[in-house]
Every structure is written in structure tokens, then in C-alpha cells.
Amino acid sequence: MSEERDRIREKKRKELMEKHGSDGEKQTPEATPAEPVEINSREQFEEITRTHDVVLVDCYADWCGPCQMMEPTVKALAAETDTAVAKVDVDAQPGLAQQLGAQGVPTFVVYADGKPVERVVGAQDRATLEQLLQQAR
């Protein structure tokens, strides 16, 4: 898995160099949002996973008790880590939720370099989510 991640990172680095040029000028990466980003379209989802190295995707539903219980943890991870957090309402975005493999809520999917690398279903403690994010780096 590590070799695959390294290959993906190298490919992304080359794409960024081509896009932004390699004139030696340091490019400023896009800032990681301090709040979870509510995803309203597939395009917006693709943009956030392409723009940020590591993204925690929270597939949730408003009526879901465990999802509501996870909300403070999800907000804290967005505010206190350099991980982008994306929230996908499975009722508002059923096609995207299906694409993400969310068969139950909450489902957390960790993206690294635009690719899904980890998936867990159900309420998780903060330490478990932090460990998944650390492994994705």
C-alpha cells in the first residue's frame, strides 16, 4: 500500500509541476478548511479530494443518532488537524454516497492523494480516526 501511495504522490507532484510550472517559485498550497465542508455535488467532492492531500469524508444522515454523536469529533478534526473534512449527506447526495460505498451511517472514508485508502462504518472514537488519518500521510 505504501508503494502505491508513493506512486500516486509522485504522479500528483508531476501534475502540479506541469500545472503551476517549475520556475523555482514556491507555490502556496490551498489552506485546509477549519470547518467541515458540506458537499453539494460530485464535482465539489472531486475538487476537495483533488486539492487536499488527505481528506476525511463523513457520510452521514440528519436522522442518524450515531452521526449526531460524531459531529463534535468531526468538527474538532477539521479545526485541529491539517486534514480537510468533507461531509456527505446520504439523503441529499444518494448517488455520491453509493459511489463512496456508504451502506450504513456514519461511514468514514479517508482519501489520500485523491484515492480512497481507508473506510470504517459506525461511530468511532477520535483516536481511531486520528490513527487512520496519520496512516494516510
Protein backbone atom coordinates (compact mmCIF):
# COMPACT_ATOMS: atom_id res chain seq x y z
CA MET A 1 0.00 0.00 0.00
CA SER A 2 2.89 2.36 0.77
CA GLU A 3 4.42 1.87 -2.68
CA GLU A 4 1.06 2.64 -4.27
CA ARG A 5 0.71 5.79 -2.15
CA ASP A 6 4.24 6.91 -3.10
CA ARG A 7 3.46 6.33 -6.78
CA ILE A 8 0.25 8.37 -6.50
CA ARG A 9 2.04 11.20 -4.69
CA GLU A 10 4.78 11.31 -7.32
CA LYS A 11 2.18 11.42 -10.09
CA LYS A 12 0.33 14.23 -8.34
CA ARG A 13 3.58 16.14 -7.79
CA LYS A 14 4.36 15.92 -11.51
CA GLU A 15 0.84 17.09 -12.40
CA LEU A 16 1.19 20.07 -10.08
CA MET A 17 4.59 20.93 -11.52
CA GLU A 18 3.12 20.88 -15.03
CA LYS A 19 0.09 22.92 -13.97
CA HIS A 20 1.98 25.56 -11.94
CA GLY A 21 5.32 25.47 -13.68
CA SER A 22 8.71 24.61 -12.28
CA ASP A 23 10.31 28.04 -12.25
CA GLY A 24 11.58 27.50 -8.73
CA GLU A 25 8.88 29.73 -7.29
CA LYS A 26 7.32 28.14 -4.25
CA GLN A 27 3.62 27.53 -4.72
CA THR A 28 1.32 28.10 -1.75
CA PRO A 29 -0.91 25.09 -1.16
CA GLU A 30 -4.59 25.74 -0.67
CA ALA A 31 -5.37 26.18 3.00
CA THR A 32 -7.12 23.32 4.74
CA PRO A 33 -10.63 24.37 5.78
CA ALA A 34 -11.01 24.76 9.57
CA GLU A 35 -14.65 23.67 9.33
CA PRO A 36 -16.15 20.59 7.69
CA VAL A 37 -17.15 21.26 4.08
CA GLU A 38 -20.70 20.27 3.17
CA ILE A 39 -20.56 18.53 -0.21
CA ASN A 40 -23.38 19.51 -2.57
CA SER A 41 -22.21 17.92 -5.81
CA ARG A 42 -19.95 15.25 -7.24
CA GLU A 43 -17.80 17.99 -8.79
CA GLN A 44 -17.30 19.67 -5.42
CA PHE A 45 -16.34 16.28 -3.92
CA GLU A 46 -13.82 15.63 -6.69
CA GLU A 47 -12.35 19.12 -6.22
CA ILE A 48 -11.79 18.72 -2.48
CA THR A 49 -10.23 15.26 -2.81
CA ARG A 50 -8.01 16.51 -5.64
CA THR A 51 -6.97 19.72 -3.86
CA HIS A 52 -6.05 18.32 -0.44
CA ASP A 53 -3.53 15.56 0.34
CA VAL A 54 -5.69 13.87 2.98
CA VAL A 55 -9.46 14.18 3.24
CA LEU A 56 -11.76 12.61 5.82
CA VAL A 57 -15.19 12.06 4.24
CA ASP A 58 -18.08 11.76 6.70
CA CYS A 59 -21.13 10.13 5.10
CA TYR A 60 -23.99 10.96 7.46
CA ALA A 61 -27.74 11.47 7.79
CA ASP A 62 -29.53 14.11 9.88
CA TRP A 63 -31.81 11.46 11.44
CA CYS A 64 -28.87 9.24 12.50
CA GLY A 65 -28.13 9.27 16.25
CA PRO A 66 -24.52 7.99 15.93
CA CYS A 67 -23.91 10.64 13.22
CA GLN A 68 -25.09 13.37 15.58
CA MET A 69 -22.87 11.92 18.31
CA MET A 70 -19.85 12.09 15.95
CA GLU A 71 -20.45 15.73 14.97
CA PRO A 72 -18.24 17.31 17.70
CA THR A 73 -15.37 14.93 16.86
CA VAL A 74 -15.66 15.63 13.14
CA LYS A 75 -15.66 19.39 13.75
CA ALA A 76 -12.65 19.10 16.08
CA LEU A 77 -10.67 17.10 13.50
CA ALA A 78 -11.37 19.79 10.90
CA ALA A 79 -10.31 22.57 13.26
CA GLU A 80 -7.33 20.92 14.92
CA THR A 81 -5.65 18.91 12.15
CA ASP A 82 -4.33 19.67 8.68
CA THR A 83 -6.86 17.24 7.22
CA ALA A 84 -9.73 18.52 5.10
CA VAL A 85 -13.08 17.18 6.30
CA ALA A 86 -15.92 16.69 3.82
CA LYS A 87 -19.48 15.88 4.84
CA VAL A 88 -21.81 13.99 2.51
CA ASP A 89 -25.49 13.86 3.44
CA VAL A 90 -26.55 10.42 2.17
CA ASP A 91 -30.17 11.57 1.77
CA ALA A 92 -29.27 14.69 -0.25
CA GLN A 93 -26.48 13.01 -2.29
CA PRO A 94 -27.53 9.33 -2.66
CA GLY A 95 -25.53 8.76 -5.85
CA LEU A 96 -22.33 10.08 -4.31
CA ALA A 97 -22.97 8.11 -1.10
CA GLN A 98 -23.37 4.96 -3.18
CA GLN A 99 -20.15 5.74 -5.07
CA LEU A 100 -18.39 6.10 -1.69
CA GLY A 101 -19.71 2.70 -0.59
CA ALA A 102 -21.78 4.11 2.27
CA GLN A 103 -24.14 1.26 3.07
CA GLY A 104 -24.60 2.40 6.66
CA VAL A 105 -24.20 5.68 8.50
CA PRO A 106 -21.96 7.05 9.63
CA THR A 107 -19.37 5.86 7.13
CA PHE A 108 -15.95 7.48 7.19
CA VAL A 109 -13.72 7.27 4.13
CA VAL A 110 -10.15 8.53 4.17
CA TYR A 111 -8.79 9.81 0.86
CA ALA A 112 -5.06 10.25 0.31
CA ASP A 113 -3.88 11.91 -2.89
CA GLY A 114 -7.35 11.64 -4.41
CA LYS A 115 -7.78 7.90 -3.76
CA PRO A 116 -9.75 6.12 -1.02
CA VAL A 117 -7.34 4.34 1.34
CA GLU A 118 -9.44 3.53 4.43
CA ARG A 119 -13.13 3.02 5.25
CA VAL A 120 -14.86 2.47 8.59
CA VAL A 121 -18.56 2.21 9.37
CA GLY A 122 -20.25 3.27 12.59
CA ALA A 123 -19.36 5.66 15.38
CA GLN A 124 -15.61 5.77 16.04
CA ASP A 125 -13.57 7.30 18.81
CA ARG A 126 -11.36 10.25 17.94
CA ALA A 127 -8.15 8.25 18.43
CA THR A 128 -9.23 5.71 15.80
CA LEU A 129 -9.98 8.42 13.24
CA GLU A 130 -6.70 10.22 14.02
CA GLN A 131 -4.80 6.96 13.55
CA LEU A 132 -6.44 6.40 10.15
CA LEU A 133 -5.54 9.94 9.10
CA GLN A 134 -1.95 9.51 10.29
CA GLN A 135 -1.60 6.26 8.34
CA ALA A 136 -2.83 8.06 5.21
CA ARG A 137 0.00 10.61 5.42
